[in-house]
Amino acid sequence: MQRQHARNFAFFDAPVGLIFTIDRRLTQSSWVDYGMFLQNLMLAARERGLDTCPQMAWAMLPKLLTELLDIPPHQMVVCGMALGHADREAPENGWLPEREPVESFAQYRGFAPRQEACGVY
């Protein structure tokens, strides 16, 4: 497990490693916007045939990253992201965790979801 975790710091051998920062002065709502930005970046990469892996492990090294990348003091590290082509033969890329059913955490009030529309239910 420790060896696999350490691979974060080589961006899982991806050809591109990204480090994301955010201005410390921004409010909680900005973090929500940032999450949507990251998701859209991941979706855009996937649309272009690339794979991504968001990595919170990089947020544990703010001092090192700040020094190495000359990150200004008003910025803080949010996460890293590996960008490239996933190794489909790697065991970790074949693992699909069980998903919690939507009904266990969402309520539908005032309308019934159309099951055939999205195939999730």
PDB file of N, CA and C in Angstrom:
ATOM      1  N   MET A   1       0.825  -1.184   0.000  1.00  0.00           N
ATOM      2  CA  MET A   1       0.000   0.000   0.000  1.00  0.00           C
ATOM      3  C   MET A   1       0.877   1.258   0.000  1.00  0.00           C
ATOM      4  N   GLN A   2       1.948   1.226   0.795  1.00  0.00           N
ATOM      5  CA  GLN A   2       2.835   2.392   0.851  1.00  0.00           C
ATOM      6  C   GLN A   2       3.536   2.632  -0.478  1.00  0.00           C
ATOM      7  N   ARG A   3       3.924   1.529  -1.150  1.00  0.00           N
ATOM      8  CA  ARG A   3       4.562   1.678  -2.470  1.00  0.00           C
ATOM      9  C   ARG A   3       3.590   2.304  -3.466  1.00  0.00           C
ATOM     10  N   GLN A   4       2.358   1.851  -3.441  1.00  0.00           N
ATOM     11  CA  GLN A   4       1.359   2.399  -4.364  1.00  0.00           C
ATOM     12  C   GLN A   4       1.108   3.870  -4.053  1.00  0.00           C
ATOM     13  N   HIS A   5       1.000   4.207  -2.772  1.00  0.00           N
ATOM     14  CA  HIS A   5       0.799   5.615  -2.392  1.00  0.00           C
ATOM     15  C   HIS A   5       1.979   6.476  -2.853  1.00  0.00           C
ATOM     16  N   ALA A   6       3.182   5.955  -2.732  1.00  0.00           N
ATOM     17  CA  ALA A   6       4.372   6.710  -3.142  1.00  0.00           C
ATOM     18  C   ALA A   6       4.375   7.005  -4.635  1.00  0.00           C
ATOM     19  N   ARG A   7       3.668   6.190  -5.414  1.00  0.00           N
ATOM     20  CA  ARG A   7       3.605   6.425  -6.856  1.00  0.00           C
ATOM     21  C   ARG A   7       2.878   7.729  -7.191  1.00  0.00           C
ATOM     22  N   ASN A   8       2.088   8.254  -6.241  1.00  0.00           N
ATOM     23  CA  ASN A   8       1.481   9.575  -6.437  1.00  0.00           C
ATOM     24  C   ASN A   8       2.553  10.588  -6.818  1.00  0.00           C
ATOM     25  N   PHE A   9       3.692  10.496  -6.165  1.00  0.00           N
ATOM     26  CA  PHE A   9       4.723  11.507  -6.302  1.00  0.00           C
ATOM     27  C   PHE A   9       5.579  11.330  -7.553  1.00  0.00           C
ATOM     28  N   ALA A  10       5.197  10.353  -8.374  1.00  0.00           N
ATOM     29  CA  ALA A  10       5.753  10.207  -9.727  1.00  0.00           C
ATOM     30  C   ALA A  10       4.600  10.338 -10.728  1.00  0.00           C
ATOM     31  N   PHE A  11       3.478  10.882 -10.254  1.00  0.00           N
ATOM     32  CA  PHE A  11       2.269  11.038 -11.073  1.00  0.00           C
ATOM     33  C   PHE A  11       1.891   9.720 -11.759  1.00  0.00           C
ATOM     34  N   PHE A  12       2.105   8.610 -11.065  1.00  0.00           N
ATOM     35  CA  PHE A  12       1.783   7.279 -11.580  1.00  0.00           C
ATOM     36  C   PHE A  12       2.379   7.055 -12.966  1.00  0.00           C
ATOM     37  N   ASP A  13       3.556   7.617 -13.195  1.00  0.00           N
ATOM     38  CA  ASP A  13       4.297   7.489 -14.449  1.00  0.00           C
ATOM     39  C   ASP A  13       3.616   8.168 -15.635  1.00  0.00           C
ATOM     40  N   ALA A  14       2.681   9.051 -15.386  1.00  0.00           N
ATOM     41  CA  ALA A  14       2.036   9.802 -16.471  1.00  0.00           C
ATOM     42  C   ALA A  14       3.046  10.780 -17.067  1.00  0.00           C
ATOM     43  N   PRO A  15       2.898  11.103 -18.337  1.00  0.00           N
ATOM     44  CA  PRO A  15       3.833  12.042 -18.955  1.00  0.00           C
ATOM     45  C   PRO A  15       3.637  13.487 -18.510  1.00  0.00           C
ATOM     46  N   VAL A  16       2.468  13.785 -17.948  1.00  0.00           N
ATOM     47  CA  VAL A  16       2.180  15.153 -17.504  1.00  0.00           C
ATOM     48  C   VAL A  16       1.687  15.110 -16.064  1.00  0.00           C
ATOM     49  N   GLY A  17       2.260  15.958 -15.235  1.00  0.00           N
ATOM     50  CA  GLY A  17       1.815  16.132 -13.867  1.00  0.00           C
ATOM     51  C   GLY A  17       1.402  17.577 -13.663  1.00  0.00           C
ATOM     52  N   LEU A  18       0.242  17.776 -13.103  1.00  0.00           N
ATOM     53  CA  LEU A  18      -0.286  19.119 -12.870  1.00  0.00           C
ATOM     54  C   LEU A  18      -0.426  19.358 -11.374  1.00  0.00           C
ATOM     55  N   ILE A  19      -0.103  20.567 -10.950  1.00  0.00           N
ATOM     56  CA  ILE A  19      -0.320  20.985  -9.561  1.00  0.00           C
ATOM     57  C   ILE A  19      -1.278  22.173  -9.604  1.00  0.00           C
ATOM     58  N   PHE A  20      -2.333  22.096  -8.811  1.00  0.00           N
ATOM     59  CA  PHE A  20      -3.346  23.138  -8.787  1.00  0.00           C
ATOM     60  C   PHE A  20      -3.276  23.910  -7.477  1.00  0.00           C
ATOM     61  N   THR A  21      -3.406  25.220  -7.581  1.00  0.00           N
ATOM     62  CA  THR A  21      -3.421  26.084  -6.400  1.00  0.00           C
ATOM     63  C   THR A  21      -4.661  26.962  -6.427  1.00  0.00           C
ATOM     64  N   ILE A  22      -4.971  27.531  -5.277  1.00  0.00           N
ATOM     65  CA  ILE A  22      -6.092  28.459  -5.168  1.00  0.00           C
ATOM     66  C   ILE A  22      -5.667  29.607  -4.260  1.00  0.00           C
ATOM     67  N   ASP A  23      -6.203  30.763  -4.518  1.00  0.00           N
ATOM     68  CA  ASP A  23      -5.925  31.934  -3.691  1.00  0.00           C
ATOM     69  C   ASP A  23      -6.495  31.708  -2.297  1.00  0.00           C
ATOM     70  N   ARG A  24      -5.678  31.874  -1.282  1.00  0.00           N
ATOM     71  CA  ARG A  24      -6.086  31.640   0.108  1.00  0.00           C
ATOM     72  C   ARG A  24      -7.249  32.528   0.555  1.00  0.00           C
ATOM     73  N   ARG A  25      -7.406  33.658  -0.089  1.00  0.00           N
ATOM     74  CA  ARG A  25      -8.436  34.611   0.339  1.00  0.00           C
ATOM     75  C   ARG A  25      -9.832  34.242  -0.142  1.00  0.00           C
ATOM     76  N   LEU A  26      -9.941  33.268  -1.032  1.00  0.00           N
ATOM     77  CA  LEU A  26     -11.243  32.917  -1.587  1.00  0.00           C
ATOM     78  C   LEU A  26     -12.092  32.158  -0.579  1.00  0.00           C
ATOM     79  N   THR A  27     -13.392  32.253  -0.739  1.00  0.00           N
ATOM     80  CA  THR A  27     -14.338  31.653   0.207  1.00  0.00           C
ATOM     81  C   THR A  27     -14.677  30.214  -0.174  1.00  0.00           C
ATOM     82  N   GLN A  28     -15.445  29.592   0.688  1.00  0.00           N
ATOM     83  CA  GLN A  28     -15.845  28.199   0.494  1.00  0.00           C
ATOM     84  C   GLN A  28     -16.536  27.990  -0.852  1.00  0.00           C
ATOM     85  N   SER A  29     -17.343  28.936  -1.290  1.00  0.00           N
ATOM     86  CA  SER A  29     -18.032  28.768  -2.574  1.00  0.00           C
ATOM     87  C   SER A  29     -17.036  28.685  -3.728  1.00  0.00           C
ATOM     88  N   SER A  30     -15.893  29.308  -3.582  1.00  0.00           N
ATOM     89  CA  SER A  30     -14.871  29.224  -4.624  1.00  0.00           C
ATOM     90  C   SER A  30     -14.293  27.809  -4.720  1.00  0.00           C
ATOM     91  N   TRP A  31     -14.249  27.116  -3.592  1.00  0.00           N
ATOM     92  CA  TRP A  31     -13.755  25.736  -3.617  1.00  0.00           C
ATOM     93  C   TRP A  31     -14.725  24.852  -4.398  1.00  0.00           C
ATOM     94  N   VAL A  32     -16.019  25.131  -4.294  1.00  0.00           N
ATOM     95  CA  VAL A  32     -17.008  24.386  -5.078  1.00  0.00           C
ATOM     96  C   VAL A  32     -16.775  24.653  -6.560  1.00  0.00           C
ATOM     97  N   ASP A  33     -16.585  25.913  -6.916  1.00  0.00           N
ATOM     98  CA  ASP A  33     -16.284  26.258  -8.312  1.00  0.00           C
ATOM     99  C   ASP A  33     -15.020  25.553  -8.784  1.00  0.00           C
ATOM    100  N   TYR A  34     -14.030  25.496  -7.920  1.00  0.00           N
ATOM    101  CA  TYR A  34     -12.759  24.863  -8.274  1.00  0.00           C
ATOM    102  C   TYR A  34     -12.954  23.371  -8.549  1.00  0.00           C
ATOM    103  N   GLY A  35     -13.776  22.731  -7.734  1.00  0.00           N
ATOM    104  CA  GLY A  35     -14.082  21.320  -7.955  1.00  0.00           C
ATOM    105  C   GLY A  35     -14.752  21.101  -9.306  1.00  0.00           C
ATOM    106  N   MET A  36     -15.659  22.004  -9.669  1.00  0.00           N
ATOM    107  CA  MET A  36     -16.308  21.892 -10.975  1.00  0.00           C
ATOM    108  C   MET A  36     -15.296  22.120 -12.105  1.00  0.00           C
ATOM    109  N   PHE A  37     -14.376  23.046 -11.906  1.00  0.00           N
ATOM    110  CA  PHE A  37     -13.315  23.283 -12.892  1.00  0.00           C
ATOM    111  C   PHE A  37     -12.482  22.014 -13.091  1.00  0.00           C
ATOM    112  N   LEU A  38     -12.076  21.389 -11.983  1.00  0.00           N
ATOM    113  CA  LEU A  38     -11.274  20.168 -12.077  1.00  0.00           C
ATOM    114  C   LEU A  38     -12.041  19.055 -12.792  1.00  0.00           C
ATOM    115  N   GLN A  39     -13.319  18.915 -12.458  1.00  0.00           N
ATOM    116  CA  GLN A  39     -14.123  17.882 -13.118  1.00  0.00           C
ATOM    117  C   GLN A  39     -14.227  18.160 -14.617  1.00  0.00           C
ATOM    118  N   ASN A  40     -14.448  19.408 -14.990  1.00  0.00           N
ATOM    119  CA  ASN A  40     -14.536  19.737 -16.408  1.00  0.00           C
ATOM    120  C   ASN A  40     -13.218  19.492 -17.132  1.00  0.00           C
ATOM    121  N   LEU A  41     -12.123  19.767 -16.467  1.00  0.00           N
ATOM    122  CA  LEU A  41     -10.815  19.478 -17.051  1.00  0.00           C
ATOM    123  C   LEU A  41     -10.664  17.974 -17.287  1.00  0.00           C
ATOM    124  N   MET A  42     -11.088  17.177 -16.314  1.00  0.00           N
ATOM    125  CA  MET A  42     -11.010  15.728 -16.444  1.00  0.00           C
ATOM    126  C   MET A  42     -11.919  15.219 -17.569  1.00  0.00           C
ATOM    127  N   LEU A  43     -13.107  15.781 -17.680  1.00  0.00           N
ATOM    128  CA  LEU A  43     -14.020  15.384 -18.754  1.00  0.00           C
ATOM    129  C   LEU A  43     -13.474  15.788 -20.124  1.00  0.00           C
ATOM    130  N   ALA A  44     -12.886  16.969 -20.219  1.00  0.00           N
ATOM    131  CA  ALA A  44     -12.302  17.422 -21.488  1.00  0.00           C
ATOM    132  C   ALA A  44     -11.137  16.518 -21.890  1.00  0.00           C
ATOM    133  N   ALA A  45     -10.331  16.123 -20.931  1.00  0.00           N
ATOM    134  CA  ALA A  45      -9.217  15.213 -21.224  1.00  0.00           C
ATOM    135  C   ALA A  45      -9.760  13.882 -21.727  1.00  0.00           C
ATOM    136  N   ARG A  46     -10.770  13.359 -21.052  1.00  0.00           N
ATOM    137  CA  ARG A  46     -11.355  12.070 -21.451  1.00  0.00           C
ATOM    138  C   ARG A  46     -11.927  12.153 -22.861  1.00  0.00           C
ATOM    139  N   GLU A  47     -12.565  13.270 -23.179  1.00  0.00           N
ATOM    140  CA  GLU A  47     -13.128  13.477 -24.529  1.00  0.00           C
ATOM    141  C   GLU A  47     -12.030  13.422 -25.588  1.00  0.00           C
ATOM    142  N   ARG A  48     -10.836  13.783 -25.203  1.00  0.00           N
ATOM    143  CA  ARG A  48      -9.701  13.798 -26.140  1.00  0.00           C
ATOM    144  C   ARG A  48      -8.859  12.519 -26.052  1.00  0.00           C
ATOM    145  N   GLY A  49      -9.411  11.500 -25.389  1.00  0.00           N
ATOM    146  CA  GLY A  49      -8.734  10.217 -25.325  1.00  0.00           C
ATOM    147  C   GLY A  49      -7.682  10.103 -24.248  1.00  0.00           C
ATOM    148  N   LEU A  50      -7.641  11.056 -23.325  1.00  0.00           N
ATOM    149  CA  LEU A  50      -6.661  11.033 -22.243  1.00  0.00           C
ATOM    150  C   LEU A  50      -7.321  10.627 -20.929  1.00  0.00           C
ATOM    151  N   ASP A  51      -6.521  10.127 -20.025  1.00  0.00           N
ATOM    152  CA  ASP A  51      -6.994   9.747 -18.707  1.00  0.00           C
ATOM    153  C   ASP A  51      -6.378  10.680 -17.671  1.00  0.00           C
ATOM    154  N   THR A  52      -7.058  10.837 -16.561  1.00  0.00           N
ATOM    155  CA  THR A  52      -6.577  11.686 -15.471  1.00  0.00           C
ATOM    156  C   THR A  52      -6.693  10.937 -14.152  1.00  0.00           C
ATOM    157  N   CYS A  53      -5.937  11.392 -13.198  1.00  0.00           N
ATOM    158  CA  CYS A  53      -6.034  10.870 -11.838  1.00  0.00           C
ATOM    159  C   CYS A  53      -5.827  12.043 -10.887  1.00  0.00           C
ATOM    160  N   PRO A  54      -6.906  12.548 -10.265  1.00  0.00           N
ATOM    161  CA  PRO A  54      -6.733  13.626  -9.287  1.00  0.00           C
ATOM    162  C   PRO A  54      -6.031  13.064  -8.049  1.00  0.00           C
ATOM    163  N   GLN A  55      -5.142  13.868  -7.463  1.00  0.00           N
ATOM    164  CA  GLN A  55      -4.291  13.353  -6.393  1.00  0.00           C
ATOM    165  C   GLN A  55      -4.214  14.335  -5.227  1.00  0.00           C
ATOM    166  N   MET A  56      -4.876  13.979  -4.149  1.00  0.00           N
ATOM    167  CA  MET A  56      -4.822  14.801  -2.942  1.00  0.00           C
ATOM    168  C   MET A  56      -3.484  14.661  -2.226  1.00  0.00           C
ATOM    169  N   ALA A  57      -2.740  13.615  -2.532  1.00  0.00           N
ATOM    170  CA  ALA A  57      -1.455  13.386  -1.865  1.00  0.00           C
ATOM    171  C   ALA A  57      -0.543  14.605  -1.981  1.00  0.00           C
ATOM    172  N   TRP A  58      -0.623  15.312  -3.095  1.00  0.00           N
ATOM    173  CA  TRP A  58       0.246  16.482  -3.293  1.00  0.00           C
ATOM    174  C   TRP A  58      -0.072  17.600  -2.299  1.00  0.00           C
ATOM    175  N   ALA A  59      -1.286  17.672  -1.819  1.00  0.00           N
ATOM    176  CA  ALA A  59      -1.655  18.720  -0.859  1.00  0.00           C
ATOM    177  C   ALA A  59      -0.958  18.530   0.486  1.00  0.00           C
ATOM    178  N   MET A  60      -0.379  17.357   0.704  1.00  0.00           N
ATOM    179  CA  MET A  60       0.351  17.097   1.958  1.00  0.00           C
ATOM    180  C   MET A  60       1.760  17.671   1.926  1.00  0.00           C
ATOM    181  N   LEU A  61       2.183  18.203   0.771  1.00  0.00           N
ATOM    182  CA  LEU A  61       3.544  18.731   0.631  1.00  0.00           C
ATOM    183  C   LEU A  61       3.562  20.212   0.245  1.00  0.00           C
ATOM    184  N   PRO A  62       2.783  21.048   0.914  1.00  0.00           N
ATOM    185  CA  PRO A  62       2.692  22.443   0.466  1.00  0.00           C
ATOM    186  C   PRO A  62       4.016  23.200   0.549  1.00  0.00           C
ATOM    187  N   LYS A  63       4.783  22.980   1.595  1.00  0.00           N
ATOM    188  CA  LYS A  63       6.041  23.718   1.745  1.00  0.00           C
ATOM    189  C   LYS A  63       7.024  23.354   0.633  1.00  0.00           C
ATOM    190  N   LEU A  64       7.181  22.058   0.384  1.00  0.00           N
ATOM    191  CA  LEU A  64       8.080  21.601  -0.666  1.00  0.00           C
ATOM    192  C   LEU A  64       7.653  22.139  -2.033  1.00  0.00           C
ATOM    193  N   LEU A  65       6.366  22.024  -2.352  1.00  0.00           N
ATOM    194  CA  LEU A  65       5.873  22.499  -3.650  1.00  0.00           C
ATOM    195  C   LEU A  65       6.003  24.010  -3.783  1.00  0.00           C
ATOM    196  N   THR A  66       5.737  24.715  -2.703  1.00  0.00           N
ATOM    197  CA  THR A  66       5.855  26.173  -2.730  1.00  0.00           C
ATOM    198  C   THR A  66       7.282  26.583  -3.069  1.00  0.00           C
ATOM    199  N   GLU A  67       8.239  25.891  -2.484  1.00  0.00           N
ATOM    200  CA  GLU A  67       9.648  26.208  -2.759  1.00  0.00           C
ATOM    201  C   GLU A  67      10.057  25.780  -4.172  1.00  0.00           C
ATOM    202  N   LEU A  68       9.721  24.551  -4.551  1.00  0.00           N
ATOM    203  CA  LEU A  68      10.133  24.036  -5.857  1.00  0.00           C
ATOM    204  C   LEU A  68       9.495  24.781  -7.029  1.00  0.00           C
ATOM    205  N   LEU A  69       8.221  25.138  -6.864  1.00  0.00           N
ATOM    206  CA  LEU A  69       7.475  25.750  -7.970  1.00  0.00           C
ATOM    207  C   LEU A  69       7.327  27.258  -7.828  1.00  0.00           C
ATOM    208  N   ASP A  70       7.947  27.818  -6.808  1.00  0.00           N
ATOM    209  CA  ASP A  70       7.875  29.257  -6.574  1.00  0.00           C
ATOM    210  C   ASP A  70       6.425  29.742  -6.506  1.00  0.00           C
ATOM    211  N   ILE A  71       5.629  29.019  -5.726  1.00  0.00           N
ATOM    212  CA  ILE A  71       4.221  29.379  -5.550  1.00  0.00           C
ATOM    213  C   ILE A  71       4.146  30.571  -4.605  1.00  0.00           C
ATOM    214  N   PRO A  72       3.460  31.637  -5.005  1.00  0.00           N
ATOM    215  CA  PRO A  72       3.384  32.817  -4.136  1.00  0.00           C
ATOM    216  C   PRO A  72       2.648  32.516  -2.822  1.00  0.00           C
ATOM    217  N   PRO A  73       2.964  33.256  -1.769  1.00  0.00           N
ATOM    218  CA  PRO A  73       2.390  32.995  -0.442  1.00  0.00           C
ATOM    219  C   PRO A  73       0.865  33.061  -0.390  1.00  0.00           C
ATOM    220  N   HIS A  74       0.249  33.849  -1.274  1.00  0.00           N
ATOM    221  CA  HIS A  74      -1.214  33.962  -1.235  1.00  0.00           C
ATOM    222  C   HIS A  74      -1.915  32.785  -1.921  1.00  0.00           C
ATOM    223  N   GLN A  75      -1.137  31.858  -2.474  1.00  0.00           N
ATOM    224  CA  GLN A  75      -1.704  30.661  -3.106  1.00  0.00           C
ATOM    225  C   GLN A  75      -1.479  29.447  -2.211  1.00  0.00           C
ATOM    226  N   MET A  76      -2.418  28.513  -2.232  1.00  0.00           N
ATOM    227  CA  MET A  76      -2.245  27.260  -1.509  1.00  0.00           C
ATOM    228  C   MET A  76      -2.501  26.087  -2.450  1.00  0.00           C
ATOM    229  N   VAL A  77      -1.807  24.995  -2.214  1.00  0.00           N
ATOM    230  CA  VAL A  77      -1.929  23.801  -3.055  1.00  0.00           C
ATOM    231  C   VAL A  77      -3.269  23.128  -2.780  1.00  0.00           C
ATOM    232  N   VAL A  78      -3.994  22.830  -3.845  1.00  0.00           N
ATOM    233  CA  VAL A  78      -5.273  22.118  -3.744  1.00  0.00           C
ATOM    234  C   VAL A  78      -5.050  20.633  -3.967  1.00  0.00           C
ATOM    235  N   CYS A  79      -4.415  20.302  -5.073  1.00  0.00           N
ATOM    236  CA  CYS A  79      -4.190  18.905  -5.420  1.00  0.00           C
ATOM    237  C   CYS A  79      -3.247  18.821  -6.605  1.00  0.00           C
ATOM    238  N   GLY A  80      -2.904  17.616  -6.964  1.00  0.00           N
ATOM    239  CA  GLY A  80      -2.172  17.354  -8.190  1.00  0.00           C
ATOM    240  C   GLY A  80      -3.060  16.549  -9.107  1.00  0.00           C
ATOM    241  N   MET A  81      -2.595  16.330 -10.327  1.00  0.00           N
ATOM    242  CA  MET A  81      -3.352  15.492 -11.256  1.00  0.00           C
ATOM    243  C   MET A  81      -2.389  14.893 -12.270  1.00  0.00           C
ATOM    244  N   ALA A  82      -2.496  13.596 -12.455  1.00  0.00           N
ATOM    245  CA  ALA A  82      -1.746  12.908 -13.498  1.00  0.00           C
ATOM    246  C   ALA A  82      -2.570  12.974 -14.775  1.00  0.00           C
ATOM    247  N   LEU A  83      -1.890  13.187 -15.900  1.00  0.00           N
ATOM    248  CA  LEU A  83      -2.565  13.294 -17.194  1.00  0.00           C
ATOM    249  C   LEU A  83      -1.796  12.461 -18.207  1.00  0.00           C
ATOM    250  N   GLY A  84      -2.484  11.551 -18.863  1.00  0.00           N
ATOM    251  CA  GLY A  84      -1.833  10.705 -19.862  1.00  0.00           C
ATOM    252  C   GLY A  84      -2.762   9.597 -20.293  1.00  0.00           C
ATOM    253  N   HIS A  85      -2.193   8.432 -20.554  1.00  0.00           N
ATOM    254  CA  HIS A  85      -2.968   7.254 -20.952  1.00  0.00           C
ATOM    255  C   HIS A  85      -2.830   6.202 -19.866  1.00  0.00           C
ATOM    256  N   ALA A  86      -3.966   5.746 -19.338  1.00  0.00           N
ATOM    257  CA  ALA A  86      -3.950   4.741 -18.281  1.00  0.00           C
ATOM    258  C   ALA A  86      -3.443   3.407 -18.828  1.00  0.00           C
ATOM    259  N   ASP A  87      -2.720   2.695 -18.001  1.00  0.00           N
ATOM    260  CA  ASP A  87      -2.290   1.340 -18.320  1.00  0.00           C
ATOM    261  C   ASP A  87      -3.467   0.417 -18.013  1.00  0.00           C
ATOM    262  N   ARG A  88      -4.171  -0.005 -19.034  1.00  0.00           N
ATOM    263  CA  ARG A  88      -5.385  -0.819 -18.849  1.00  0.00           C
ATOM    264  C   ARG A  88      -5.072  -2.200 -18.267  1.00  0.00           C
ATOM    265  N   GLU A  89      -3.826  -2.614 -18.340  1.00  0.00           N
ATOM    266  CA  GLU A  89      -3.431  -3.918 -17.809  1.00  0.00           C
ATOM    267  C   GLU A  89      -3.083  -3.855 -16.318  1.00  0.00           C
ATOM    268  N   ALA A  90      -2.877  -2.655 -15.788  1.00  0.00           N
ATOM    269  CA  ALA A  90      -2.524  -2.518 -14.375  1.00  0.00           C
ATOM    270  C   ALA A  90      -3.717  -2.917 -13.503  1.00  0.00           C
ATOM    271  N   PRO A  91      -3.490  -3.745 -12.489  1.00  0.00           N
ATOM    272  CA  PRO A  91      -4.600  -4.224 -11.650  1.00  0.00           C
ATOM    273  C   PRO A  91      -5.433  -3.088 -11.042  1.00  0.00           C
ATOM    274  N   GLU A  92      -4.757  -2.015 -10.633  1.00  0.00           N
ATOM    275  CA  GLU A  92      -5.506  -0.918  -9.993  1.00  0.00           C
ATOM    276  C   GLU A  92      -6.467  -0.224 -10.954  1.00  0.00           C
ATOM    277  N   ASN A  93      -6.209  -0.311 -12.243  1.00  0.00           N
ATOM    278  CA  ASN A  93      -7.106   0.321 -13.215  1.00  0.00           C
ATOM    279  C   ASN A  93      -8.288  -0.567 -13.586  1.00  0.00           C
ATOM    280  N   GLY A  94      -8.283  -1.808 -13.133  1.00  0.00           N
ATOM    281  CA  GLY A  94      -9.402  -2.699 -13.384  1.00  0.00           C
ATOM    282  C   GLY A  94     -10.362  -2.788 -12.212  1.00  0.00           C
ATOM    283  N   TRP A  95      -9.999  -2.159 -11.100  1.00  0.00           N
ATOM    284  CA  TRP A  95     -10.818  -2.222  -9.889  1.00  0.00           C
ATOM    285  C   TRP A  95     -11.969  -1.248  -9.982  1.00  0.00           C
ATOM    286  N   LEU A  96     -13.180  -1.756  -9.838  1.00  0.00           N
ATOM    287  CA  LEU A  96     -14.372  -0.906  -9.824  1.00  0.00           C
ATOM    288  C   LEU A  96     -15.070  -1.095  -8.482  1.00  0.00           C
ATOM    289  N   PRO A  97     -15.025  -0.075  -7.627  1.00  0.00           N
ATOM    290  CA  PRO A  97     -15.664  -0.210  -6.321  1.00  0.00           C
ATOM    291  C   PRO A  97     -17.180  -0.232  -6.455  1.00  0.00           C
ATOM    292  N   GLU A  98     -17.833  -0.850  -5.489  1.00  0.00           N
ATOM    293  CA  GLU A  98     -19.290  -0.825  -5.464  1.00  0.00           C
ATOM    294  C   GLU A  98     -19.742   0.614  -5.250  1.00  0.00           C
ATOM    295  N   ARG A  99     -20.847   0.964  -5.863  1.00  0.00           N
ATOM    296  CA  ARG A  99     -21.400   2.318  -5.720  1.00  0.00           C
ATOM    297  C   ARG A  99     -22.634   2.274  -4.839  1.00  0.00           C
ATOM    298  N   GLU A 100     -22.749   3.254  -4.020  1.00  0.00           N
ATOM    299  CA  GLU A 100     -23.926   3.409  -3.175  1.00  0.00           C
ATOM    300  C   GLU A 100     -25.120   3.739  -4.071  1.00  0.00           C
ATOM    301  N   PRO A 101     -26.265   3.095  -3.866  1.00  0.00           N
ATOM    302  CA  PRO A 101     -27.436   3.444  -4.685  1.00  0.00           C
ATOM    303  C   PRO A 101     -27.841   4.902  -4.462  1.00  0.00           C
ATOM    304  N   VAL A 102     -28.223   5.565  -5.526  1.00  0.00           N
ATOM    305  CA  VAL A 102     -28.592   6.990  -5.444  1.00  0.00           C
ATOM    306  C   VAL A 102     -29.680   7.204  -4.401  1.00  0.00           C
ATOM    307  N   GLU A 103     -30.621   6.291  -4.315  1.00  0.00           N
ATOM    308  CA  GLU A 103     -31.739   6.443  -3.374  1.00  0.00           C
ATOM    309  C   GLU A 103     -31.282   6.482  -1.915  1.00  0.00           C
ATOM    310  N   SER A 104     -30.089   6.013  -1.610  1.00  0.00           N
ATOM    311  CA  SER A 104     -29.621   6.023  -0.228  1.00  0.00           C
ATOM    312  C   SER A 104     -29.151   7.402   0.219  1.00  0.00           C
ATOM    313  N   PHE A 105     -28.914   8.323  -0.719  1.00  0.00           N
ATOM    314  CA  PHE A 105     -28.459   9.656  -0.324  1.00  0.00           C
ATOM    315  C   PHE A 105     -29.207  10.790  -1.020  1.00  0.00           C
ATOM    316  N   ALA A 106     -30.182  10.477  -1.879  1.00  0.00           N
ATOM    317  CA  ALA A 106     -30.939  11.518  -2.577  1.00  0.00           C
ATOM    318  C   ALA A 106     -32.427  11.254  -2.425  1.00  0.00           C
ATOM    319  N   GLN A 107     -33.177  12.325  -2.343  1.00  0.00           N
ATOM    320  CA  GLN A 107     -34.634  12.233  -2.281  1.00  0.00           C
ATOM    321  C   GLN A 107     -35.203  12.953  -3.490  1.00  0.00           C
ATOM    322  N   TYR A 108     -36.241  12.385  -4.049  1.00  0.00           N
ATOM    323  CA  TYR A 108     -36.923  13.012  -5.182  1.00  0.00           C
ATOM    324  C   TYR A 108     -38.271  13.511  -4.683  1.00  0.00           C
ATOM    325  N   ARG A 109     -38.479  14.804  -4.757  1.00  0.00           N
ATOM    326  CA  ARG A 109     -39.727  15.402  -4.280  1.00  0.00           C
ATOM    327  C   ARG A 109     -40.364  16.178  -5.416  1.00  0.00           C
ATOM    328  N   GLY A 110     -41.582  15.853  -5.694  1.00  0.00           N
ATOM    329  CA  GLY A 110     -42.333  16.607  -6.697  1.00  0.00           C
ATOM    330  C   GLY A 110     -42.211  16.058  -8.108  1.00  0.00           C
ATOM    331  N   PHE A 111     -41.407  15.057  -8.307  1.00  0.00           N
ATOM    332  CA  PHE A 111     -41.321  14.412  -9.617  1.00  0.00           C
ATOM    333  C   PHE A 111     -40.728  13.026  -9.435  1.00  0.00           C
ATOM    334  N   ALA A 112     -40.990  12.193 -10.403  1.00  0.00           N
ATOM    335  CA  ALA A 112     -40.417  10.849 -10.381  1.00  0.00           C
ATOM    336  C   ALA A 112     -39.329  10.789 -11.438  1.00  0.00           C
ATOM    337  N   PRO A 113     -38.156  10.279 -11.092  1.00  0.00           N
ATOM    338  CA  PRO A 113     -37.085  10.196 -12.097  1.00  0.00           C
ATOM    339  C   PRO A 113     -37.456   9.252 -13.224  1.00  0.00           C
ATOM    340  N   ARG A 114     -37.070   9.597 -14.422  1.00  0.00           N
ATOM    341  CA  ARG A 114     -37.312   8.737 -15.579  1.00  0.00           C
ATOM    342  C   ARG A 114     -36.168   7.755 -15.675  1.00  0.00           C
ATOM    343  N   GLN A 115     -36.440   6.535 -15.313  1.00  0.00           N
ATOM    344  CA  GLN A 115     -35.391   5.519 -15.256  1.00  0.00           C
ATOM    345  C   GLN A 115     -34.764   5.257 -16.596  1.00  0.00           C
ATOM    346  N   GLU A 116     -35.549   5.257 -17.646  1.00  0.00           N
ATOM    347  CA  GLU A 116     -35.000   4.959 -18.965  1.00  0.00           C
ATOM    348  C   GLU A 116     -34.150   6.088 -19.519  1.00  0.00           C
ATOM    349  N   ALA A 117     -34.261   7.281 -18.944  1.00  0.00           N
ATOM    350  CA  ALA A 117     -33.528   8.437 -19.480  1.00  0.00           C
ATOM    351  C   ALA A 117     -32.035   8.331 -19.233  1.00  0.00           C
ATOM    352  N   CYS A 118     -31.630   7.835 -18.077  1.00  0.00           N
ATOM    353  CA  CYS A 118     -30.203   7.834 -17.790  1.00  0.00           C
ATOM    354  C   CYS A 118     -29.635   6.470 -17.460  1.00  0.00           C
ATOM    355  N   GLY A 119     -30.485   5.500 -17.195  1.00  0.00           N
ATOM    356  CA  GLY A 119     -29.991   4.156 -16.948  1.00  0.00           C
ATOM    357  C   GLY A 119     -29.281   3.968 -15.622  1.00  0.00           C
ATOM    358  N   VAL A 120     -29.309   4.963 -14.747  1.00  0.00           N
ATOM    359  CA  VAL A 120     -28.604   4.861 -13.474  1.00  0.00           C
ATOM    360  C   VAL A 120     -29.432   4.121 -12.445  1.00  0.00           C
ATOM    361  N   TYR A 121     -30.727   4.267 -12.520  1.00  0.00           N
ATOM    362  CA  TYR A 121     -31.591   3.733 -11.468  1.00  0.00           C
ATOM    363  C   TYR A 121     -31.887   2.304 -11.768  1.00  0.00           C
TER     364      TYR A 121
END
